[in-house]
Amino acid sequence: MGITLTLKDVVYSALLAFVLTGFVLGLVNMLKSALERPLDLEARPKDMGKILQKCYALFPNDIIQFQGVTFTRGMQVRVRTSQHKTFEGQLIGLNKENMLCLLTKRYIVAHELDKIEEMNLLA
């Protein structure tokens, strides 16, 4: 009643387990990257004006003091966060919750001012 396994059966089982594990890990990584990817800002140019007006209303403070430097709405800046992410774009404003809004080439980014390590003016 015992099952006999040959060396050939063990090798095939190991290869099958290796292939299946690689497939499952690849699928998990693909799903993880799809969920973590931010949504693209696919606004038509005619809608961009409305979107910016809403952003200006949500982030009404157009003068931002950061580490002794004054930044104003419309300036092109580079922002580095405490998570070591870097964004470059047009400064939109600041709201009462101390959130900074930035319009990049692809996204509109809002980030807590307290979690920004560095902000520089782009030439």
PDB file of N, CA and C in Angstrom:
ATOM      1  N   MET A   1       0.807  -1.193   0.000  1.00  0.00           N
ATOM      2  CA  MET A   1       0.000   0.000   0.000  1.00  0.00           C
ATOM      3  C   MET A   1       0.854   1.262   0.000  1.00  0.00           C
ATOM      4  N   GLY A   2       2.132   1.149   0.182  1.00  0.00           N
ATOM      5  CA  GLY A   2       3.014   2.306   0.193  1.00  0.00           C
ATOM      6  C   GLY A   2       3.229   2.861  -1.204  1.00  0.00           C
ATOM      7  N   ILE A   3       3.449   4.154  -1.258  1.00  0.00           N
ATOM      8  CA  ILE A   3       3.702   4.834  -2.530  1.00  0.00           C
ATOM      9  C   ILE A   3       5.203   4.929  -2.706  1.00  0.00           C
ATOM     10  N   THR A   4       5.662   4.515  -3.850  1.00  0.00           N
ATOM     11  CA  THR A   4       7.101   4.588  -4.104  1.00  0.00           C
ATOM     12  C   THR A   4       7.387   5.788  -4.998  1.00  0.00           C
ATOM     13  N   LEU A   5       8.363   6.566  -4.597  1.00  0.00           N
ATOM     14  CA  LEU A   5       8.763   7.732  -5.362  1.00  0.00           C
ATOM     15  C   LEU A   5      10.154   7.506  -5.920  1.00  0.00           C
ATOM     16  N   THR A   6      10.282   7.796  -7.163  1.00  0.00           N
ATOM     17  CA  THR A   6      11.601   7.686  -7.777  1.00  0.00           C
ATOM     18  C   THR A   6      12.272   9.051  -7.754  1.00  0.00           C
ATOM     19  N   LEU A   7      13.538   9.071  -8.057  1.00  0.00           N
ATOM     20  CA  LEU A   7      14.281  10.328  -8.130  1.00  0.00           C
ATOM     21  C   LEU A   7      13.676  11.235  -9.209  1.00  0.00           C
ATOM     22  N   LYS A   8      13.206  10.634 -10.264  1.00  0.00           N
ATOM     23  CA  LYS A   8      12.576  11.372 -11.357  1.00  0.00           C
ATOM     24  C   LYS A   8      11.321  12.086 -10.859  1.00  0.00           C
ATOM     25  N   ASP A   9      10.496  11.438 -10.035  1.00  0.00           N
ATOM     26  CA  ASP A   9       9.288  12.047  -9.483  1.00  0.00           C
ATOM     27  C   ASP A   9       9.629  13.236  -8.580  1.00  0.00           C
ATOM     28  N   VAL A  10      10.656  13.109  -7.777  1.00  0.00           N
ATOM     29  CA  VAL A  10      11.071  14.174  -6.868  1.00  0.00           C
ATOM     30  C   VAL A  10      11.565  15.387  -7.656  1.00  0.00           C
ATOM     31  N   VAL A  11      12.357  15.139  -8.707  1.00  0.00           N
ATOM     32  CA  VAL A  11      12.880  16.239  -9.533  1.00  0.00           C
ATOM     33  C   VAL A  11      11.732  16.948 -10.237  1.00  0.00           C
ATOM     34  N   TYR A  12      10.795  16.207 -10.809  1.00  0.00           N
ATOM     35  CA  TYR A  12       9.648  16.832 -11.478  1.00  0.00           C
ATOM     36  C   TYR A  12       8.809  17.638 -10.488  1.00  0.00           C
ATOM     37  N   SER A  13       8.632  17.135  -9.299  1.00  0.00           N
ATOM     38  CA  SER A  13       7.860  17.847  -8.274  1.00  0.00           C
ATOM     39  C   SER A  13       8.550  19.152  -7.881  1.00  0.00           C
ATOM     40  N   ALA A  14       9.874  19.081  -7.730  1.00  0.00           N
ATOM     41  CA  ALA A  14      10.631  20.286  -7.371  1.00  0.00           C
ATOM     42  C   ALA A  14      10.560  21.327  -8.488  1.00  0.00           C
ATOM     43  N   LEU A  15      10.694  20.897  -9.727  1.00  0.00           N
ATOM     44  CA  LEU A  15      10.597  21.827 -10.859  1.00  0.00           C
ATOM     45  C   LEU A  15       9.202  22.442 -10.961  1.00  0.00           C
ATOM     46  N   LEU A  16       8.183  21.649 -10.770  1.00  0.00           N
ATOM     47  CA  LEU A  16       6.816  22.149 -10.813  1.00  0.00           C
ATOM     48  C   LEU A  16       6.574  23.150  -9.684  1.00  0.00           C
ATOM     49  N   ALA A  17       7.075  22.864  -8.496  1.00  0.00           N
ATOM     50  CA  ALA A  17       6.932  23.788  -7.375  1.00  0.00           C
ATOM     51  C   ALA A  17       7.669  25.096  -7.664  1.00  0.00           C
ATOM     52  N   PHE A  18       8.853  25.022  -8.255  1.00  0.00           N
ATOM     53  CA  PHE A  18       9.626  26.215  -8.601  1.00  0.00           C
ATOM     54  C   PHE A  18       8.877  27.081  -9.612  1.00  0.00           C
ATOM     55  N   VAL A  19       8.334  26.467 -10.651  1.00  0.00           N
ATOM     56  CA  VAL A  19       7.606  27.203 -11.686  1.00  0.00           C
ATOM     57  C   VAL A  19       6.335  27.834 -11.104  1.00  0.00           C
ATOM     58  N   LEU A  20       5.588  27.085 -10.320  1.00  0.00           N
ATOM     59  CA  LEU A  20       4.360  27.605  -9.727  1.00  0.00           C
ATOM     60  C   LEU A  20       4.648  28.750  -8.749  1.00  0.00           C
ATOM     61  N   THR A  21       5.707  28.619  -7.964  1.00  0.00           N
ATOM     62  CA  THR A  21       6.074  29.684  -7.028  1.00  0.00           C
ATOM     63  C   THR A  21       6.458  30.958  -7.785  1.00  0.00           C
ATOM     64  N   GLY A  22       7.247  30.819  -8.843  1.00  0.00           N
ATOM     65  CA  GLY A  22       7.615  31.973  -9.668  1.00  0.00           C
ATOM     66  C   GLY A  22       6.397  32.631 -10.286  1.00  0.00           C
ATOM     67  N   PHE A  23       5.445  31.841 -10.757  1.00  0.00           N
ATOM     68  CA  PHE A  23       4.228  32.377 -11.354  1.00  0.00           C
ATOM     69  C   PHE A  23       3.404  33.145 -10.313  1.00  0.00           C
ATOM     70  N   VAL A  24       3.222  32.572  -9.143  1.00  0.00           N
ATOM     71  CA  VAL A  24       2.438  33.216  -8.090  1.00  0.00           C
ATOM     72  C   VAL A  24       3.119  34.500  -7.620  1.00  0.00           C
ATOM     73  N   LEU A  25       4.447  34.487  -7.420  1.00  0.00           N
ATOM     74  CA  LEU A  25       5.160  35.690  -6.993  1.00  0.00           C
ATOM     75  C   LEU A  25       5.091  36.789  -8.061  1.00  0.00           C
ATOM     76  N   GLY A  26       5.206  36.411  -9.314  1.00  0.00           N
ATOM     77  CA  GLY A  26       5.080  37.384 -10.403  1.00  0.00           C
ATOM     78  C   GLY A  26       3.697  38.009 -10.439  1.00  0.00           C
ATOM     79  N   LEU A  27       2.675  37.204 -10.237  1.00  0.00           N
ATOM     80  CA  LEU A  27       1.303  37.698 -10.216  1.00  0.00           C
ATOM     81  C   LEU A  27       1.073  38.646  -9.030  1.00  0.00           C
ATOM     82  N   VAL A  28       1.600  38.288  -7.872  1.00  0.00           N
ATOM     83  CA  VAL A  28       1.472  39.143  -6.690  1.00  0.00           C
ATOM     84  C   VAL A  28       2.188  40.476  -6.910  1.00  0.00           C
ATOM     85  N   ASN A  29       3.390  40.454  -7.467  1.00  0.00           N
ATOM     86  CA  ASN A  29       4.124  41.691  -7.730  1.00  0.00           C
ATOM     87  C   ASN A  29       3.403  42.570  -8.744  1.00  0.00           C
ATOM     88  N   MET A  30       2.820  41.960  -9.751  1.00  0.00           N
ATOM     89  CA  MET A  30       2.087  42.718 -10.763  1.00  0.00           C
ATOM     90  C   MET A  30       0.857  43.383 -10.146  1.00  0.00           C
ATOM     91  N   LEU A  31       0.126  42.668  -9.316  1.00  0.00           N
ATOM     92  CA  LEU A  31      -1.044  43.238  -8.661  1.00  0.00           C
ATOM     93  C   LEU A  31      -0.647  44.332  -7.675  1.00  0.00           C
ATOM     94  N   LYS A  32       0.432  44.113  -6.957  1.00  0.00           N
ATOM     95  CA  LYS A  32       0.908  45.103  -5.988  1.00  0.00           C
ATOM     96  C   LYS A  32       1.309  46.400  -6.682  1.00  0.00           C
ATOM     97  N   SER A  33       2.029  46.305  -7.787  1.00  0.00           N
ATOM     98  CA  SER A  33       2.438  47.515  -8.497  1.00  0.00           C
ATOM     99  C   SER A  33       1.245  48.217  -9.132  1.00  0.00           C
ATOM    100  N   ALA A  34       0.258  47.474  -9.574  1.00  0.00           N
ATOM    101  CA  ALA A  34      -0.938  48.095 -10.154  1.00  0.00           C
ATOM    102  C   ALA A  34      -1.738  48.841  -9.091  1.00  0.00           C
ATOM    103  N   LEU A  35      -1.783  48.323  -7.881  1.00  0.00           N
ATOM    104  CA  LEU A  35      -2.526  48.984  -6.810  1.00  0.00           C
ATOM    105  C   LEU A  35      -1.789  50.192  -6.260  1.00  0.00           C
ATOM    106  N   GLU A  36      -0.448  50.176  -6.286  1.00  0.00           N
ATOM    107  CA  GLU A  36       0.332  51.278  -5.738  1.00  0.00           C
ATOM    108  C   GLU A  36       0.516  52.416  -6.733  1.00  0.00           C
ATOM    109  N   ARG A  37       0.283  52.181  -8.003  1.00  0.00           N
ATOM    110  CA  ARG A  37       0.498  53.191  -9.027  1.00  0.00           C
ATOM    111  C   ARG A  37      -0.559  54.287  -8.890  1.00  0.00           C
ATOM    112  N   PRO A  38      -0.123  55.549  -8.807  1.00  0.00           N
ATOM    113  CA  PRO A  38      -1.098  56.630  -8.715  1.00  0.00           C
ATOM    114  C   PRO A  38      -1.851  56.796 -10.023  1.00  0.00           C
ATOM    115  N   LEU A  39      -3.045  57.324  -9.912  1.00  0.00           N
ATOM    116  CA  LEU A  39      -3.858  57.554 -11.093  1.00  0.00           C
ATOM    117  C   LEU A  39      -3.278  58.690 -11.914  1.00  0.00           C
ATOM    118  N   ASP A  40      -3.275  58.525 -13.224  1.00  0.00           N
ATOM    119  CA  ASP A  40      -2.804  59.586 -14.102  1.00  0.00           C
ATOM    120  C   ASP A  40      -3.842  60.698 -14.172  1.00  0.00           C
ATOM    121  N   LEU A  41      -3.350  61.908 -14.300  1.00  0.00           N
ATOM    122  CA  LEU A  41      -4.226  63.055 -14.475  1.00  0.00           C
ATOM    123  C   LEU A  41      -4.486  63.176 -15.964  1.00  0.00           C
ATOM    124  N   GLU A  42      -5.599  62.631 -16.407  1.00  0.00           N
ATOM    125  CA  GLU A  42      -5.919  62.630 -17.820  1.00  0.00           C
ATOM    126  C   GLU A  42      -7.013  63.653 -18.090  1.00  0.00           C
ATOM    127  N   ALA A  43      -6.732  64.887 -17.754  1.00  0.00           N
ATOM    128  CA  ALA A  43      -7.718  65.941 -17.952  1.00  0.00           C
ATOM    129  C   ALA A  43      -7.499  66.581 -19.311  1.00  0.00           C
ATOM    130  N   ARG A  44      -8.586  66.877 -19.989  1.00  0.00           N
ATOM    131  CA  ARG A  44      -8.485  67.602 -21.238  1.00  0.00           C
ATOM    132  C   ARG A  44      -8.153  69.053 -20.920  1.00  0.00           C
ATOM    133  N   PRO A  45      -7.476  69.729 -21.814  1.00  0.00           N
ATOM    134  CA  PRO A  45      -7.100  71.123 -21.548  1.00  0.00           C
ATOM    135  C   PRO A  45      -8.281  72.019 -21.195  1.00  0.00           C
ATOM    136  N   LYS A  46      -9.460  71.769 -21.750  1.00  0.00           N
ATOM    137  CA  LYS A  46     -10.604  72.620 -21.425  1.00  0.00           C
ATOM    138  C   LYS A  46     -11.062  72.421 -19.978  1.00  0.00           C
ATOM    139  N   ASP A  47     -10.790  71.242 -19.407  1.00  0.00           N
ATOM    140  CA  ASP A  47     -11.163  70.976 -18.020  1.00  0.00           C
ATOM    141  C   ASP A  47     -10.102  71.449 -17.029  1.00  0.00           C
ATOM    142  N   MET A  48      -8.903  71.694 -17.499  1.00  0.00           N
ATOM    143  CA  MET A  48      -7.810  72.049 -16.609  1.00  0.00           C
ATOM    144  C   MET A  48      -8.101  73.351 -15.866  1.00  0.00           C
ATOM    145  N   GLY A  49      -8.714  74.310 -16.521  1.00  0.00           N
ATOM    146  CA  GLY A  49      -9.058  75.574 -15.855  1.00  0.00           C
ATOM    147  C   GLY A  49      -9.989  75.352 -14.677  1.00  0.00           C
ATOM    148  N   LYS A  50     -10.983  74.510 -14.850  1.00  0.00           N
ATOM    149  CA  LYS A  50     -11.928  74.209 -13.769  1.00  0.00           C
ATOM    150  C   LYS A  50     -11.226  73.484 -12.620  1.00  0.00           C
ATOM    151  N   ILE A  51     -10.355  72.563 -12.987  1.00  0.00           N
ATOM    152  CA  ILE A  51      -9.622  71.812 -11.963  1.00  0.00           C
ATOM    153  C   ILE A  51      -8.734  72.749 -11.160  1.00  0.00           C
ATOM    154  N   LEU A  52      -8.031  73.643 -11.843  1.00  0.00           N
ATOM    155  CA  LEU A  52      -7.162  74.583 -11.137  1.00  0.00           C
ATOM    156  C   LEU A  52      -7.967  75.540 -10.258  1.00  0.00           C
ATOM    157  N   GLN A  53      -9.121  75.981 -10.710  1.00  0.00           N
ATOM    158  CA  GLN A  53      -9.956  76.858  -9.884  1.00  0.00           C
ATOM    159  C   GLN A  53     -10.388  76.138  -8.607  1.00  0.00           C
ATOM    160  N   LYS A  54     -10.714  74.850  -8.724  1.00  0.00           N
ATOM    161  CA  LYS A  54     -11.067  74.070  -7.538  1.00  0.00           C
ATOM    162  C   LYS A  54      -9.873  73.936  -6.606  1.00  0.00           C
ATOM    163  N   CYS A  55      -8.702  73.704  -7.172  1.00  0.00           N
ATOM    164  CA  CYS A  55      -7.485  73.597  -6.357  1.00  0.00           C
ATOM    165  C   CYS A  55      -7.200  74.916  -5.648  1.00  0.00           C
ATOM    166  N   TYR A  56      -7.376  76.029  -6.342  1.00  0.00           N
ATOM    167  CA  TYR A  56      -7.147  77.333  -5.719  1.00  0.00           C
ATOM    168  C   TYR A  56      -8.136  77.556  -4.572  1.00  0.00           C
ATOM    169  N   ALA A  57      -9.358  77.074  -4.726  1.00  0.00           N
ATOM    170  CA  ALA A  57     -10.353  77.223  -3.656  1.00  0.00           C
ATOM    171  C   ALA A  57     -10.017  76.313  -2.465  1.00  0.00           C
ATOM    172  N   LEU A  58      -9.517  75.106  -2.746  1.00  0.00           N
ATOM    173  CA  LEU A  58      -9.183  74.160  -1.677  1.00  0.00           C
ATOM    174  C   LEU A  58      -7.876  74.523  -0.976  1.00  0.00           C
ATOM    175  N   PHE A  59      -6.986  75.200  -1.686  1.00  0.00           N
ATOM    176  CA  PHE A  59      -5.687  75.606  -1.145  1.00  0.00           C
ATOM    177  C   PHE A  59      -5.537  77.118  -1.321  1.00  0.00           C
ATOM    178  N   PRO A  60      -6.261  77.895  -0.492  1.00  0.00           N
ATOM    179  CA  PRO A  60      -6.364  79.339  -0.729  1.00  0.00           C
ATOM    180  C   PRO A  60      -5.126  80.156  -0.372  1.00  0.00           C
ATOM    181  N   ASN A  61      -4.268  79.677   0.503  1.00  0.00           N
ATOM    182  CA  ASN A  61      -3.085  80.466   0.890  1.00  0.00           C
ATOM    183  C   ASN A  61      -2.071  80.422  -0.238  1.00  0.00           C
ATOM    184  N   ASP A  62      -1.800  81.584  -0.835  1.00  0.00           N
ATOM    185  CA  ASP A  62      -0.891  81.613  -1.971  1.00  0.00           C
ATOM    186  C   ASP A  62       0.528  82.020  -1.606  1.00  0.00           C
ATOM    187  N   ILE A  63       0.782  82.270  -0.333  1.00  0.00           N
ATOM    188  CA  ILE A  63       2.132  82.559   0.146  1.00  0.00           C
ATOM    189  C   ILE A  63       2.502  81.505   1.181  1.00  0.00           C
ATOM    190  N   ILE A  64       3.608  80.809   0.934  1.00  0.00           N
ATOM    191  CA  ILE A  64       4.031  79.725   1.808  1.00  0.00           C
ATOM    192  C   ILE A  64       5.414  80.061   2.356  1.00  0.00           C
ATOM    193  N   GLN A  65       5.555  79.994   3.676  1.00  0.00           N
ATOM    194  CA  GLN A  65       6.850  80.150   4.328  1.00  0.00           C
ATOM    195  C   GLN A  65       7.375  78.751   4.644  1.00  0.00           C
ATOM    196  N   PHE A  66       8.562  78.437   4.127  1.00  0.00           N
ATOM    197  CA  PHE A  66       9.151  77.132   4.390  1.00  0.00           C
ATOM    198  C   PHE A  66      10.627  77.313   4.684  1.00  0.00           C
ATOM    199  N   GLN A  67      11.033  76.973   5.892  1.00  0.00           N
ATOM    200  CA  GLN A  67      12.423  77.062   6.352  1.00  0.00           C
ATOM    201  C   GLN A  67      13.026  78.433   6.059  1.00  0.00           C
ATOM    202  N   GLY A  68      12.245  79.481   6.343  1.00  0.00           N
ATOM    203  CA  GLY A  68      12.721  80.846   6.198  1.00  0.00           C
ATOM    204  C   GLY A  68      12.660  81.415   4.793  1.00  0.00           C
ATOM    205  N   VAL A  69      12.195  80.640   3.826  1.00  0.00           N
ATOM    206  CA  VAL A  69      12.095  81.093   2.440  1.00  0.00           C
ATOM    207  C   VAL A  69      10.624  81.255   2.092  1.00  0.00           C
ATOM    208  N   THR A  70      10.311  82.332   1.360  1.00  0.00           N
ATOM    209  CA  THR A  70       8.932  82.597   0.952  1.00  0.00           C
ATOM    210  C   THR A  70       8.714  82.098  -0.471  1.00  0.00           C
ATOM    211  N   PHE A  71       7.682  81.285  -0.640  1.00  0.00           N
ATOM    212  CA  PHE A  71       7.281  80.780  -1.944  1.00  0.00           C
ATOM    213  C   PHE A  71       5.870  81.295  -2.225  1.00  0.00           C
ATOM    214  N   THR A  72       5.569  81.592  -3.474  1.00  0.00           N
ATOM    215  CA  THR A  72       4.241  82.076  -3.836  1.00  0.00           C
ATOM    216  C   THR A  72       3.631  81.179  -4.905  1.00  0.00           C
ATOM    217  N   ARG A  73       2.326  81.267  -5.013  1.00  0.00           N
ATOM    218  CA  ARG A  73       1.569  80.486  -5.996  1.00  0.00           C
ATOM    219  C   ARG A  73       2.119  80.747  -7.391  1.00  0.00           C
ATOM    220  N   GLY A  74       2.266  79.669  -8.151  1.00  0.00           N
ATOM    221  CA  GLY A  74       2.733  79.776  -9.523  1.00  0.00           C
ATOM    222  C   GLY A  74       4.215  79.521  -9.699  1.00  0.00           C
ATOM    223  N   MET A  75       4.970  79.541  -8.624  1.00  0.00           N
ATOM    224  CA  MET A  75       6.409  79.277  -8.720  1.00  0.00           C
ATOM    225  C   MET A  75       6.643  77.811  -9.088  1.00  0.00           C
ATOM    226  N   GLN A  76       7.699  77.580  -9.855  1.00  0.00           N
ATOM    227  CA  GLN A  76       8.113  76.220 -10.185  1.00  0.00           C
ATOM    228  C   GLN A  76       9.076  75.751  -9.101  1.00  0.00           C
ATOM    229  N   VAL A  77       8.717  74.680  -8.401  1.00  0.00           N
ATOM    230  CA  VAL A  77       9.507  74.215  -7.273  1.00  0.00           C
ATOM    231  C   VAL A  77       9.798  72.721  -7.377  1.00  0.00           C
ATOM    232  N   ARG A  78      10.828  72.307  -6.642  1.00  0.00           N
ATOM    233  CA  ARG A  78      11.144  70.889  -6.456  1.00  0.00           C
ATOM    234  C   ARG A  78      10.963  70.597  -4.971  1.00  0.00           C
ATOM    235  N   VAL A  79      10.168  69.575  -4.666  1.00  0.00           N
ATOM    236  CA  VAL A  79       9.851  69.213  -3.280  1.00  0.00           C
ATOM    237  C   VAL A  79      10.355  67.802  -3.025  1.00  0.00           C
ATOM    238  N   ARG A  80      11.071  67.626  -1.909  1.00  0.00           N
ATOM    239  CA  ARG A  80      11.511  66.291  -1.493  1.00  0.00           C
ATOM    240  C   ARG A  80      10.858  65.990  -0.156  1.00  0.00           C
ATOM    241  N   THR A  81      10.182  64.851  -0.080  1.00  0.00           N
ATOM    242  CA  THR A  81       9.421  64.496   1.117  1.00  0.00           C
ATOM    243  C   THR A  81      10.262  63.645   2.058  1.00  0.00           C
ATOM    244  N   SER A  82       9.725  63.421   3.244  1.00  0.00           N
ATOM    245  CA  SER A  82      10.423  62.580   4.218  1.00  0.00           C
ATOM    246  C   SER A  82      10.454  61.118   3.769  1.00  0.00           C
ATOM    247  N   GLN A  83       9.609  60.747   2.811  1.00  0.00           N
ATOM    248  CA  GLN A  83       9.644  59.392   2.251  1.00  0.00           C
ATOM    249  C   GLN A  83      10.602  59.318   1.065  1.00  0.00           C
ATOM    250  N   HIS A  84      11.409  60.383   0.871  1.00  0.00           N
ATOM    251  CA  HIS A  84      12.417  60.475  -0.185  1.00  0.00           C
ATOM    252  C   HIS A  84      11.808  60.421  -1.576  1.00  0.00           C
ATOM    253  N   LYS A  85      10.609  60.977  -1.735  1.00  0.00           N
ATOM    254  CA  LYS A  85       9.995  61.135  -3.047  1.00  0.00           C
ATOM    255  C   LYS A  85      10.196  62.580  -3.470  1.00  0.00           C
ATOM    256  N   THR A  86      10.451  62.785  -4.736  1.00  0.00           N
ATOM    257  CA  THR A  86      10.694  64.122  -5.259  1.00  0.00           C
ATOM    258  C   THR A  86       9.632  64.461  -6.283  1.00  0.00           C
ATOM    259  N   PHE A  87       9.057  65.663  -6.154  1.00  0.00           N
ATOM    260  CA  PHE A  87       8.067  66.169  -7.089  1.00  0.00           C
ATOM    261  C   PHE A  87       8.540  67.515  -7.610  1.00  0.00           C
ATOM    262  N   GLU A  88       8.336  67.757  -8.891  1.00  0.00           N
ATOM    263  CA  GLU A  88       8.635  69.053  -9.482  1.00  0.00           C
ATOM    264  C   GLU A  88       7.368  69.560 -10.152  1.00  0.00           C
ATOM    265  N   GLY A  89       7.060  70.819  -9.916  1.00  0.00           N
ATOM    266  CA  GLY A  89       5.896  71.374 -10.562  1.00  0.00           C
ATOM    267  C   GLY A  89       5.563  72.762 -10.060  1.00  0.00           C
ATOM    268  N   GLN A  90       4.374  73.201 -10.442  1.00  0.00           N
ATOM    269  CA  GLN A  90       3.887  74.539 -10.109  1.00  0.00           C
ATOM    270  C   GLN A  90       3.199  74.518  -8.749  1.00  0.00           C
ATOM    271  N   LEU A  91       3.565  75.461  -7.911  1.00  0.00           N
ATOM    272  CA  LEU A  91       2.994  75.578  -6.579  1.00  0.00           C
ATOM    273  C   LEU A  91       1.581  76.136  -6.686  1.00  0.00           C
ATOM    274  N   ILE A  92       0.614  75.444  -6.105  1.00  0.00           N
ATOM    275  CA  ILE A  92      -0.788  75.872  -6.136  1.00  0.00           C
ATOM    276  C   ILE A  92      -1.132  76.636  -4.872  1.00  0.00           C
ATOM    277  N   GLY A  93      -0.809  76.101  -3.714  1.00  0.00           N
ATOM    278  CA  GLY A  93      -1.116  76.802  -2.478  1.00  0.00           C
ATOM    279  C   GLY A  93      -1.059  75.905  -1.263  1.00  0.00           C
ATOM    280  N   LEU A  94      -1.551  76.453  -0.168  1.00  0.00           N
ATOM    281  CA  LEU A  94      -1.532  75.787   1.130  1.00  0.00           C
ATOM    282  C   LEU A  94      -2.920  75.932   1.738  1.00  0.00           C
ATOM    283  N   ASN A  95      -3.388  74.909   2.458  1.00  0.00           N
ATOM    284  CA  ASN A  95      -4.695  75.033   3.110  1.00  0.00           C
ATOM    285  C   ASN A  95      -4.521  75.136   4.619  1.00  0.00           C
ATOM    286  N   LYS A  96      -5.657  75.244   5.327  1.00  0.00           N
ATOM    287  CA  LYS A  96      -5.592  75.438   6.773  1.00  0.00           C
ATOM    288  C   LYS A  96      -5.124  74.190   7.521  1.00  0.00           C
ATOM    289  N   GLU A  97      -5.155  73.017   6.883  1.00  0.00           N
ATOM    290  CA  GLU A  97      -4.642  71.786   7.502  1.00  0.00           C
ATOM    291  C   GLU A  97      -3.151  71.621   7.257  1.00  0.00           C
ATOM    292  N   ASN A  98      -2.500  72.668   6.735  1.00  0.00           N
ATOM    293  CA  ASN A  98      -1.062  72.663   6.478  1.00  0.00           C
ATOM    294  C   ASN A  98      -0.683  71.656   5.388  1.00  0.00           C
ATOM    295  N   MET A  99      -1.559  71.526   4.375  1.00  0.00           N
ATOM    296  CA  MET A  99      -1.297  70.665   3.221  1.00  0.00           C
ATOM    297  C   MET A  99      -0.883  71.547   2.050  1.00  0.00           C
ATOM    298  N   LEU A 100       0.178  71.153   1.377  1.00  0.00           N
ATOM    299  CA  LEU A 100       0.713  71.864   0.232  1.00  0.00           C
ATOM    300  C   LEU A 100       0.203  71.193  -1.033  1.00  0.00           C
ATOM    301  N   CYS A 101      -0.167  71.985  -2.030  1.00  0.00           N
ATOM    302  CA  CYS A 101      -0.645  71.432  -3.296  1.00  0.00           C
ATOM    303  C   CYS A 101       0.320  71.825  -4.402  1.00  0.00           C
ATOM    304  N   LEU A 102       0.630  70.857  -5.265  1.00  0.00           N
ATOM    305  CA  LEU A 102       1.593  71.043  -6.331  1.00  0.00           C
ATOM    306  C   LEU A 102       1.043  70.422  -7.612  1.00  0.00           C
ATOM    307  N   LEU A 103       1.114  71.155  -8.719  1.00  0.00           N
ATOM    308  CA  LEU A 103       0.678  70.658 -10.024  1.00  0.00           C
ATOM    309  C   LEU A 103       1.908  70.212 -10.797  1.00  0.00           C
ATOM    310  N   THR A 104       2.066  68.895 -10.977  1.00  0.00           N
ATOM    311  CA  THR A 104       3.198  68.358 -11.738  1.00  0.00           C
ATOM    312  C   THR A 104       2.743  68.145 -13.176  1.00  0.00           C
ATOM    313  N   LYS A 105       3.627  67.605 -14.002  1.00  0.00           N
ATOM    314  CA  LYS A 105       3.269  67.359 -15.402  1.00  0.00           C
ATOM    315  C   LYS A 105       2.165  66.322 -15.533  1.00  0.00           C
ATOM    316  N   ARG A 106       2.117  65.379 -14.586  1.00  0.00           N
ATOM    317  CA  ARG A 106       1.147  64.289 -14.688  1.00  0.00           C
ATOM    318  C   ARG A 106       0.110  64.262 -13.574  1.00  0.00           C
ATOM    319  N   TYR A 107       0.405  64.891 -12.422  1.00  0.00           N
ATOM    320  CA  TYR A 107      -0.463  64.740 -11.256  1.00  0.00           C
ATOM    321  C   TYR A 107      -0.702  66.074 -10.561  1.00  0.00           C
ATOM    322  N   ILE A 108      -1.698  66.058  -9.721  1.00  0.00           N
ATOM    323  CA  ILE A 108      -1.870  67.109  -8.726  1.00  0.00           C
ATOM    324  C   ILE A 108      -1.575  66.440  -7.396  1.00  0.00           C
ATOM    325  N   VAL A 109      -0.556  66.939  -6.700  1.00  0.00           N
ATOM    326  CA  VAL A 109      -0.069  66.304  -5.485  1.00  0.00           C
ATOM    327  C   VAL A 109      -0.377  67.196  -4.295  1.00  0.00           C
ATOM    328  N   ALA A 110      -0.943  66.618  -3.250  1.00  0.00           N
ATOM    329  CA  ALA A 110      -1.127  67.313  -1.974  1.00  0.00           C
ATOM    330  C   ALA A 110      -0.307  66.560  -0.933  1.00  0.00           C
ATOM    331  N   HIS A 111       0.476  67.325  -0.161  1.00  0.00           N
ATOM    332  CA  HIS A 111       1.347  66.690   0.823  1.00  0.00           C
ATOM    333  C   HIS A 111       1.441  67.572   2.060  1.00  0.00           C
ATOM    334  N   GLU A 112       1.554  66.937   3.223  1.00  0.00           N
ATOM    335  CA  GLU A 112       1.681  67.690   4.471  1.00  0.00           C
ATOM    336  C   GLU A 112       2.981  68.467   4.477  1.00  0.00           C
ATOM    337  N   LEU A 113       2.885  69.748   4.818  1.00  0.00           N
ATOM    338  CA  LEU A 113       4.066  70.602   4.856  1.00  0.00           C
ATOM    339  C   LEU A 113       5.078  70.109   5.891  1.00  0.00           C
ATOM    340  N   ASP A 114       4.592  69.532   6.985  1.00  0.00           N
ATOM    341  CA  ASP A 114       5.476  69.030   8.037  1.00  0.00           C
ATOM    342  C   ASP A 114       6.322  67.844   7.574  1.00  0.00           C
ATOM    343  N   LYS A 115       5.872  67.137   6.542  1.00  0.00           N
ATOM    344  CA  LYS A 115       6.592  65.962   6.068  1.00  0.00           C
ATOM    345  C   LYS A 115       7.424  66.260   4.819  1.00  0.00           C
ATOM    346  N   ILE A 116       7.619  67.540   4.543  1.00  0.00           N
ATOM    347  CA  ILE A 116       8.479  67.948   3.436  1.00  0.00           C
ATOM    348  C   ILE A 116       9.829  68.314   4.013  1.00  0.00           C
ATOM    349  N   GLU A 117      10.878  67.683   3.518  1.00  0.00           N
ATOM    350  CA  GLU A 117      12.214  67.939   4.004  1.00  0.00           C
ATOM    351  C   GLU A 117      12.878  69.102   3.288  1.00  0.00           C
ATOM    352  N   GLU A 118      12.587  69.252   2.003  1.00  0.00           N
ATOM    353  CA  GLU A 118      13.304  70.246   1.218  1.00  0.00           C
ATOM    354  C   GLU A 118      12.389  70.786   0.121  1.00  0.00           C
ATOM    355  N   MET A 119      12.445  72.108  -0.096  1.00  0.00           N
ATOM    356  CA  MET A 119      11.703  72.730  -1.186  1.00  0.00           C
ATOM    357  C   MET A 119      12.616  73.784  -1.798  1.00  0.00           C
ATOM    358  N   ASN A 120      12.852  73.658  -3.106  1.00  0.00           N
ATOM    359  CA  ASN A 120      13.746  74.565  -3.813  1.00  0.00           C
ATOM    360  C   ASN A 120      13.048  75.162  -5.012  1.00  0.00           C
ATOM    361  N   LEU A 121      13.395  76.371  -5.333  1.00  0.00           N
ATOM    362  CA  LEU A 121      12.887  77.051  -6.508  1.00  0.00           C
ATOM    363  C   LEU A 121      13.643  76.535  -7.732  1.00  0.00           C
ATOM    364  N   LEU A 122      12.908  76.189  -8.791  1.00  0.00           N
ATOM    365  CA  LEU A 122      13.540  75.754 -10.026  1.00  0.00           C
ATOM    366  C   LEU A 122      13.844  76.971 -10.895  1.00  0.00           C
ATOM    367  N   ALA A 123      14.946  76.931 -11.603  1.00  0.00           N
ATOM    368  CA  ALA A 123      15.338  78.066 -12.457  1.00  0.00           C
ATOM    369  C   ALA A 123      14.554  78.095 -13.737  1.00  0.00           C
TER     370      ALA A 123
END
